[in-house]
C-alpha atoms as a PDB file:
ATOM      1  CA  MET A   1      35.596  53.801  17.257  1.00  0.00           C
ATOM      2  CA  ILE A   2      35.103  52.379  13.757  1.00  0.00           C
ATOM      3  CA  ARG A   3      36.993  54.393  11.152  1.00  0.00           C
ATOM      4  CA  LYS A   4      38.823  54.161   7.841  1.00  0.00           C
ATOM      5  CA  ILE A   5      42.468  53.218   8.173  1.00  0.00           C
ATOM      6  CA  ILE A   6      45.127  51.697   5.936  1.00  0.00           C
ATOM      7  CA  HIS A   7      45.856  47.990   5.766  1.00  0.00           C
ATOM      8  CA  ILE A   8      49.258  46.643   4.651  1.00  0.00           C
ATOM      9  CA  ASN A   9      49.445  43.217   3.066  1.00  0.00           C
ATOM     10  CA  GLU A  10      52.944  42.204   4.137  1.00  0.00           C
ATOM     11  CA  GLU A  11      52.884  39.186   1.831  1.00  0.00           C
ATOM     12  CA  ASN A  12      52.624  41.497  -1.194  1.00  0.00           C
ATOM     13  CA  CYS A  13      55.009  44.110   0.208  1.00  0.00           C
ATOM     14  CA  SER A  14      58.278  44.237  -1.756  1.00  0.00           C
ATOM     15  CA  GLY A  15      60.076  46.272   0.907  1.00  0.00           C
ATOM     16  CA  CYS A  16      60.824  49.219  -1.398  1.00  0.00           C
ATOM     17  CA  GLY A  17      60.002  51.776   1.337  1.00  0.00           C
ATOM     18  CA  ALA A  18      58.045  54.122  -0.962  1.00  0.00           C
ATOM     19  CA  CYS A  19      55.005  54.146   1.336  1.00  0.00           C
ATOM     20  CA  ALA A  20      57.097  55.019   4.398  1.00  0.00           C
ATOM     21  CA  ALA A  21      58.613  57.955   2.517  1.00  0.00           C
ATOM     22  CA  ALA A  22      55.154  59.120   1.365  1.00  0.00           C
ATOM     23  CA  CYS A  23      53.574  58.971   4.835  1.00  0.00           C
ATOM     24  CA  HIS A  24      53.742  62.511   6.221  1.00  0.00           C
ATOM     25  CA  GLU A  25      52.770  61.336   9.707  1.00  0.00           C
ATOM     26  CA  GLY A  26      55.532  58.740  10.110  1.00  0.00           C
ATOM     27  CA  ALA A  27      52.871  56.078  10.707  1.00  0.00           C
ATOM     28  CA  ILE A  28      54.623  53.580   8.440  1.00  0.00           C
ATOM     29  CA  GLN A  29      58.089  52.225   9.112  1.00  0.00           C
ATOM     30  CA  MET A  30      60.179  49.465   7.569  1.00  0.00           C
ATOM     31  CA  VAL A  31      60.521  46.504   9.948  1.00  0.00           C
ATOM     32  CA  ASP A  32      62.528  43.437   8.896  1.00  0.00           C
ATOM     33  CA  GLY A  33      62.290  44.503   5.260  1.00  0.00           C
ATOM     34  CA  LYS A  34      58.513  45.003   5.286  1.00  0.00           C
ATOM     35  CA  ALA A  35      56.283  48.080   5.634  1.00  0.00           C
ATOM     36  CA  ARG A  36      54.360  48.185   8.882  1.00  0.00           C
ATOM     37  CA  LEU A  37      51.777  50.537  10.427  1.00  0.00           C
ATOM     38  CA  ILE A  38      53.452  51.227  13.767  1.00  0.00           C
ATOM     39  CA  ARG A  39      50.505  52.937  15.512  1.00  0.00           C
ATOM     40  CA  ASP A  40      46.876  53.271  14.491  1.00  0.00           C
ATOM     41  CA  ASP A  41      46.518  56.772  15.948  1.00  0.00           C
ATOM     42  CA  TYR A  42      49.338  58.018  13.699  1.00  0.00           C
ATOM     43  CA  CYS A  43      47.323  57.139  10.561  1.00  0.00           C
ATOM     44  CA  ASP A  44      44.971  59.918   9.362  1.00  0.00           C
ATOM     45  CA  GLY A  45      43.221  57.578   6.909  1.00  0.00           C
ATOM     46  CA  LEU A  46      43.798  59.894   3.922  1.00  0.00           C
ATOM     47  CA  GLY A  47      45.978  57.360   2.125  1.00  0.00           C
ATOM     48  CA  ASP A  48      48.914  59.368   0.745  1.00  0.00           C
ATOM     49  CA  CYS A  49      50.821  56.085   0.890  1.00  0.00           C
ATOM     50  CA  LEU A  50      48.453  54.210  -1.462  1.00  0.00           C
ATOM     51  CA  PRO A  51      49.568  55.634  -4.828  1.00  0.00           C
ATOM     52  CA  ALA A  52      53.215  55.328  -3.746  1.00  0.00           C
ATOM     53  CA  CYS A  53      53.003  51.538  -3.402  1.00  0.00           C
ATOM     54  CA  PRO A  54      54.153  49.804  -6.625  1.00  0.00           C
ATOM     55  CA  ALA A  55      53.121  46.372  -5.311  1.00  0.00           C
ATOM     56  CA  ASN A  56      49.494  47.264  -4.487  1.00  0.00           C
ATOM     57  CA  ALA A  57      50.128  46.060  -0.962  1.00  0.00           C
ATOM     58  CA  ILE A  58      48.186  48.895   0.709  1.00  0.00           C
ATOM     59  CA  SER A  59      44.420  49.322   0.859  1.00  0.00           C
ATOM     60  CA  PHE A  60      41.756  50.946   3.029  1.00  0.00           C
ATOM     61  CA  GLU A  61      39.732  49.076   5.608  1.00  0.00           C
ATOM     62  CA  GLU A  62      37.152  50.071   8.204  1.00  0.00           C
ATOM     63  CA  ARG A  63      37.787  48.656  11.639  1.00  0.00           C
ATOM     64  CA  GLU A  64      38.019  49.448  15.324  1.00  0.00           C
ATOM     65  CA  ALA A  65      40.895  51.906  15.796  1.00  0.00           C
ATOM     66  CA  PRO A  66      41.699  54.875  18.023  1.00  0.00           C
ATOM     67  CA  ALA A  67      41.083  58.315  16.546  1.00  0.00           C
ATOM     68  CA  TYR A  68      43.854  60.074  14.647  1.00  0.00           C
ATOM     69  CA  ASP A  69      45.966  61.972  17.199  1.00  0.00           C
ATOM     70  CA  ALA A  70      47.551  65.028  15.587  1.00  0.00           C
ATOM     71  CA  GLU A  71      49.435  65.974  18.773  1.00  0.00           C
ATOM     72  CA  ALA A  72      50.930  62.493  19.104  1.00  0.00           C
ATOM     73  CA  VAL A  73      52.021  62.636  15.450  1.00  0.00           C
ATOM     74  CA  LYS A  74      53.596  66.053  15.996  1.00  0.00           C
ATOM     75  CA  ALA A  75      55.574  64.733  18.981  1.00  0.00           C
ATOM     76  CA  HIS A  76      56.534  61.594  17.031  1.00  0.00           C
ATOM     77  CA  LEU A  77      57.877  63.589  14.069  1.00  0.00           C
ATOM     78  CA  LYS A  78      59.738  65.993  16.341  1.00  0.00           C
ATOM     79  CA  LYS A  79      61.365  63.065  18.146  1.00  0.00           C
ATOM     80  CA  GLN A  80      62.492  61.622  14.792  1.00  0.00           C
ATOM     81  CA  GLN A  81      63.962  64.951  13.707  1.00  0.00           C
ATOM     82  CA  ASN A  82      65.848  65.383  16.972  1.00  0.00           C
ATOM     83  CA  SER A  83      67.143  61.818  17.243  1.00  0.00           C
ATOM     84  CA  PRO A  84      70.966  61.426  17.435  1.00  0.00           C
ATOM     85  CA  ALA A  85      70.985  59.537  14.129  1.00  0.00           C
ATOM     86  CA  ASP A  86      69.460  62.575  12.421  1.00  0.00           C
ATOM     87  CA  ASN A  87      71.554  65.202  14.195  1.00  0.00           C
ATOM     88  CA  ARG A  88      73.269  67.110  11.421  1.00  0.00           C
ATOM     89  CA  GLN A  89      75.090  69.557  13.725  1.00  0.00           C
ATOM     90  CA  GLU A  90      74.194  72.461  11.438  1.00  0.00           C
ATOM     91  CA  ASN A  91      76.073  75.008  13.545  1.00  0.00           C
ATOM     92  CA  LYS A  92      79.328  73.068  13.558  1.00  0.00           C
ATOM     93  CA  PRO A  93      81.855  74.465  11.027  1.00  0.00           C
ATOM     94  CA  GLU A  94      83.271  71.940   8.620  1.00  0.00           C
ATOM     95  CA  SER A  95      87.037  71.524   8.654  1.00  0.00           C
ATOM     96  CA  PRO A  96      88.776  71.278   5.243  1.00  0.00           C
ATOM     97  CA  ALA A  97      89.379  67.522   5.573  1.00  0.00           C
ATOM     98  CA  GLU A  98      86.017  66.648   7.140  1.00  0.00           C
ATOM     99  CA  ASN A  99      83.415  64.719   5.164  1.00  0.00           C
ATOM    100  CA  ARG A 100      85.380  65.123   1.939  1.00  0.00           C
ATOM    101  CA  GLN A 101      85.873  61.986  -0.087  1.00  0.00           C
ATOM    102  CA  GLU A 102      87.066  61.555  -3.632  1.00  0.00           C
ATOM    103  CA  SER A 103      85.071  59.504  -6.095  1.00  0.00           C
ATOM    104  CA  GLN A 104      86.502  56.036  -6.715  1.00  0.00           C
ATOM    105  CA  LEU A 105      84.536  55.463  -9.936  1.00  0.00           C
ATOM    106  CA  LEU A 106      86.764  54.115 -12.722  1.00  0.00           C
ATOM    107  CA  GLN A 107      84.421  54.112 -15.725  1.00  0.00           C
ATOM    108  CA  TRP A 108      81.190  55.329 -17.298  1.00  0.00           C
ATOM    109  CA  PRO A 109      78.373  54.407 -17.862  1.00  0.00           C
ATOM    110  CA  VAL A 110      77.511  52.398 -14.772  1.00  0.00           C
ATOM    111  CA  GLN A 111      73.919  51.357 -15.506  1.00  0.00           C
ATOM    112  CA  ILE A 112      73.794  47.677 -16.482  1.00  0.00           C
ATOM    113  CA  ARG A 113      71.430  48.335 -19.372  1.00  0.00           C
ATOM    114  CA  LEU A 114      73.664  51.118 -20.754  1.00  0.00           C
ATOM    115  CA  ALA A 115      77.060  49.463 -20.295  1.00  0.00           C
ATOM    116  CA  PRO A 116      78.774  48.085 -23.428  1.00  0.00           C
ATOM    117  CA  ALA A 117      79.124  44.317 -23.693  1.00  0.00           C
ATOM    118  CA  LYS A 118      82.856  44.696 -24.277  1.00  0.00           C
ATOM    119  CA  ALA A 119      85.195  47.484 -23.222  1.00  0.00           C
ATOM    120  CA  PRO A 120      88.920  47.730 -22.351  1.00  0.00           C
ATOM    121  CA  TYR A 121      88.209  48.496 -18.699  1.00  0.00           C
ATOM    122  CA  PHE A 122      86.464  45.125 -18.272  1.00  0.00           C
ATOM    123  CA  ASP A 123      89.591  43.113 -19.107  1.00  0.00           C
ATOM    124  CA  ASP A 124      91.159  41.539 -16.006  1.00  0.00           C
ATOM    125  CA  ALA A 125      88.719  43.505 -13.845  1.00  0.00           C
ATOM    126  CA  ASP A 126      87.184  42.918 -10.452  1.00  0.00           C
ATOM    127  CA  LEU A 127      83.511  43.619 -11.120  1.00  0.00           C
ATOM    128  CA  LEU A 128      81.075  45.265  -8.728  1.00  0.00           C
ATOM    129  CA  ILE A 129      77.389  44.610  -9.400  1.00  0.00           C
ATOM    130  CA  ALA A 130      75.254  46.681  -7.049  1.00  0.00           C
ATOM    131  CA  ALA A 131      71.605  47.504  -6.462  1.00  0.00           C
ATOM    132  CA  ASP A 132      71.370  51.248  -6.971  1.00  0.00           C
ATOM    133  CA  CYS A 133      69.871  51.771  -3.474  1.00  0.00           C
ATOM    134  CA  THR A 134      72.991  50.412  -1.774  1.00  0.00           C
ATOM    135  CA  ALA A 135      75.088  53.495  -2.497  1.00  0.00           C
ATOM    136  CA  TYR A 136      72.557  55.568  -0.549  1.00  0.00           C
ATOM    137  CA  ALA A 137      72.189  53.092   2.310  1.00  0.00           C
ATOM    138  CA  TYR A 138      75.867  52.361   2.987  1.00  0.00           C
ATOM    139  CA  ALA A 139      77.812  55.493   3.915  1.00  0.00           C
ATOM    140  CA  ASP A 140      81.306  54.459   2.816  1.00  0.00           C
ATOM    141  CA  PHE A 141      80.202  52.836  -0.438  1.00  0.00           C
ATOM    142  CA  HIS A 142      82.908  54.353  -2.651  1.00  0.00           C
ATOM    143  CA  ASN A 143      85.856  53.337  -0.494  1.00  0.00           C
ATOM    144  CA  ARG A 144      84.425  49.988   0.588  1.00  0.00           C
ATOM    145  CA  PHE A 145      83.066  48.736  -2.736  1.00  0.00           C
ATOM    146  CA  ILE A 146      83.675  50.948  -5.791  1.00  0.00           C
ATOM    147  CA  LYS A 147      87.400  51.394  -5.148  1.00  0.00           C
ATOM    148  CA  ASN A 148      89.480  49.213  -7.503  1.00  0.00           C
ATOM    149  CA  HIS A 149      86.319  47.783  -9.097  1.00  0.00           C
ATOM    150  CA  ILE A 150      84.499  48.280 -12.374  1.00  0.00           C
ATOM    151  CA  THR A 151      80.992  49.226 -11.317  1.00  0.00           C
ATOM    152  CA  LEU A 152      77.621  48.162 -12.703  1.00  0.00           C
ATOM    153  CA  ILE A 153      74.378  49.183 -11.005  1.00  0.00           C
ATOM    154  CA  GLY A 154      70.706  48.445 -11.554  1.00  0.00           C
ATOM    155  CA  CYS A 155      67.309  47.755 -10.051  1.00  0.00           C
ATOM    156  CA  PRO A 156      65.454  44.666 -11.322  1.00  0.00           C
ATOM    157  CA  LYS A 157      62.194  46.115 -10.019  1.00  0.00           C
ATOM    158  CA  LEU A 158      62.414  49.325 -12.045  1.00  0.00           C
ATOM    159  CA  ASP A 159      64.211  48.218 -15.225  1.00  0.00           C
ATOM    160  CA  ALA A 160      62.071  46.138 -17.580  1.00  0.00           C
ATOM    161  CA  VAL A 161      65.056  44.142 -18.847  1.00  0.00           C
ATOM    162  CA  ASP A 162      66.615  40.746 -18.220  1.00  0.00           C
ATOM    163  CA  TYR A 163      69.914  41.593 -16.530  1.00  0.00           C
ATOM    164  CA  SER A 164      71.179  38.038 -16.846  1.00  0.00           C
ATOM    165  CA  GLU A 165      71.421  38.369 -20.638  1.00  0.00           C
ATOM    166  CA  LYS A 166      73.448  41.590 -20.539  1.00  0.00           C
ATOM    167  CA  LEU A 167      75.653  40.391 -17.699  1.00  0.00           C
ATOM    168  CA  SER A 168      76.354  37.086 -19.441  1.00  0.00           C
ATOM    169  CA  GLN A 169      77.457  39.028 -22.534  1.00  0.00           C
ATOM    170  CA  ILE A 170      79.855  41.061 -20.415  1.00  0.00           C
ATOM    171  CA  LEU A 171      81.251  37.995 -18.648  1.00  0.00           C
ATOM    172  CA  SER A 172      81.607  36.050 -21.899  1.00  0.00           C
ATOM    173  CA  SER A 173      83.282  38.885 -23.809  1.00  0.00           C
ATOM    174  CA  ASN A 174      85.805  39.962 -21.180  1.00  0.00           C
ATOM    175  CA  ARG A 175      88.250  38.575 -18.649  1.00  0.00           C
ATOM    176  CA  ILE A 176      86.540  39.146 -15.295  1.00  0.00           C
ATOM    177  CA  ARG A 177      88.568  38.072 -12.268  1.00  0.00           C
ATOM    178  CA  SER A 178      85.875  38.283  -9.608  1.00  0.00           C
ATOM    179  CA  ILE A 179      82.409  39.617  -8.873  1.00  0.00           C
ATOM    180  CA  THR A 180      81.246  41.430  -5.760  1.00  0.00           C
ATOM    181  CA  LEU A 181      77.460  41.744  -5.623  1.00  0.00           C
ATOM    182  CA  VAL A 182      76.006  44.239  -3.155  1.00  0.00           C
ATOM    183  CA  ARG A 183      72.254  44.129  -2.549  1.00  0.00           C
ATOM    184  CA  MET A 184      69.746  45.447  -0.043  1.00  0.00           C
ATOM    185  CA  GLU A 185      67.952  43.101   2.352  1.00  0.00           C
ATOM    186  CA  VAL A 186      64.630  43.753   0.567  1.00  0.00           C
ATOM    187  CA  PRO A 187      63.133  40.872  -1.460  1.00  0.00           C
ATOM    188  CA  CYS A 188      63.240  42.634  -4.851  1.00  0.00           C
ATOM    189  CA  CYS A 189      67.059  42.674  -4.729  1.00  0.00           C
ATOM    190  CA  GLY A 190      66.939  38.891  -5.036  1.00  0.00           C
ATOM    191  CA  GLY A 191      66.377  39.451  -8.750  1.00  0.00           C
ATOM    192  CA  LEU A 192      69.806  41.052  -9.083  1.00  0.00           C
ATOM    193  CA  GLN A 193      71.470  38.179  -7.250  1.00  0.00           C
ATOM    194  CA  TYR A 194      69.645  35.659  -9.433  1.00  0.00           C
ATOM    195  CA  ALA A 195      70.663  37.513 -12.624  1.00  0.00           C
ATOM    196  CA  ALA A 196      74.336  37.451 -11.629  1.00  0.00           C
ATOM    197  CA  ALA A 197      74.227  33.730 -10.855  1.00  0.00           C
ATOM    198  CA  GLU A 198      72.495  33.009 -14.171  1.00  0.00           C
ATOM    199  CA  ALA A 199      75.024  35.154 -16.048  1.00  0.00           C
ATOM    200  CA  ILE A 200      77.944  33.208 -14.603  1.00  0.00           C
ATOM    201  CA  LYS A 201      76.233  29.950 -15.580  1.00  0.00           C
ATOM    202  CA  LYS A 202      75.518  31.153 -19.136  1.00  0.00           C
ATOM    203  CA  SER A 203      79.073  32.441 -19.595  1.00  0.00           C
ATOM    204  CA  GLY A 204      80.472  28.983 -18.839  1.00  0.00           C
ATOM    205  CA  LYS A 205      83.203  30.549 -16.720  1.00  0.00           C
ATOM    206  CA  ASN A 206      84.176  29.820 -13.129  1.00  0.00           C
ATOM    207  CA  ILE A 207      84.102  33.353 -11.718  1.00  0.00           C
ATOM    208  CA  PRO A 208      84.116  33.725  -7.918  1.00  0.00           C
ATOM    209  CA  ILE A 209      81.276  35.838  -6.541  1.00  0.00           C
ATOM    210  CA  ASN A 210      80.908  37.425  -3.122  1.00  0.00           C
ATOM    211  CA  ILE A 211      77.354  38.369  -2.045  1.00  0.00           C
ATOM    212  CA  ILE A 212      77.058  41.252   0.411  1.00  0.00           C
ATOM    213  CA  THR A 213      73.727  42.349   1.908  1.00  0.00           C
ATOM    214  CA  VAL A 214      73.084  45.826   3.326  1.00  0.00           C
ATOM    215  CA  SER A 215      70.364  46.392   5.916  1.00  0.00           C
ATOM    216  CA  LEU A 216      67.802  49.187   5.690  1.00  0.00           C
ATOM    217  CA  LYS A 217      69.813  50.985   8.373  1.00  0.00           C
ATOM    218  CA  GLY A 218      72.991  50.824   6.316  1.00  0.00           C
ATOM    219  CA  LYS A 219      74.742  47.954   8.081  1.00  0.00           C
ATOM    220  CA  LEU A 220      76.472  45.007   6.447  1.00  0.00           C
ATOM    221  CA  ILE A 221      74.451  42.001   7.604  1.00  0.00           C
ATOM    222  CA  GLN A 222      75.608  39.232   5.283  1.00  0.00           C
ATOM    223  CA  CYS A 223      78.795  38.442   3.427  1.00  0.00           C
ATOM    224  CA  THR A 224      79.334  35.073   1.742  1.00  0.00           C
ATOM    225  CA  ASP A 225      82.022  33.838  -0.592  1.00  0.00           C
END
């Protein structure tokens, strides 16, 4: 049958995942950092995902497609809820030591645009620059990355500022021993990596930087010195 259905322009897709979160039918999933319509019969053609897309990568089209299958969607959503990865074991009592971790944060504020250009905690510090999504994606973020680091977070897609300028001020005004940059695998995080590289160049200092990439499933997929 010919019907209205969404079309995703993967070239424009930034990989933010907003459309997948807005799709109540689970018809959209993130695949290799891009949004993808996984099954035509999961899409009801109402377009809840359209206003959620900041990159205007989603539109309507009329084409040959199977009819929307409400029963298939219901089974699909139930399968997602009951998958082992989503099993929260709600009836299992929590022991005193289980799932309890202390914060490793050493300073405040942490937003790049709010951080002072010079502060005592920056002197002789190992600096963590992280995309704000990474703390949600990687489960052990505090112990693996924040611990023993001064933390700065940001999102180049959402903040209308040039991070390289602020970061270069911080690097120029303080003694920074090293930089660990943690980003997501999505394309927009490349802006954070670029800003850090530009900041090091502008500071005129030889500061070692380690780039770590986190997958959309919360795995470490790249680590380079």
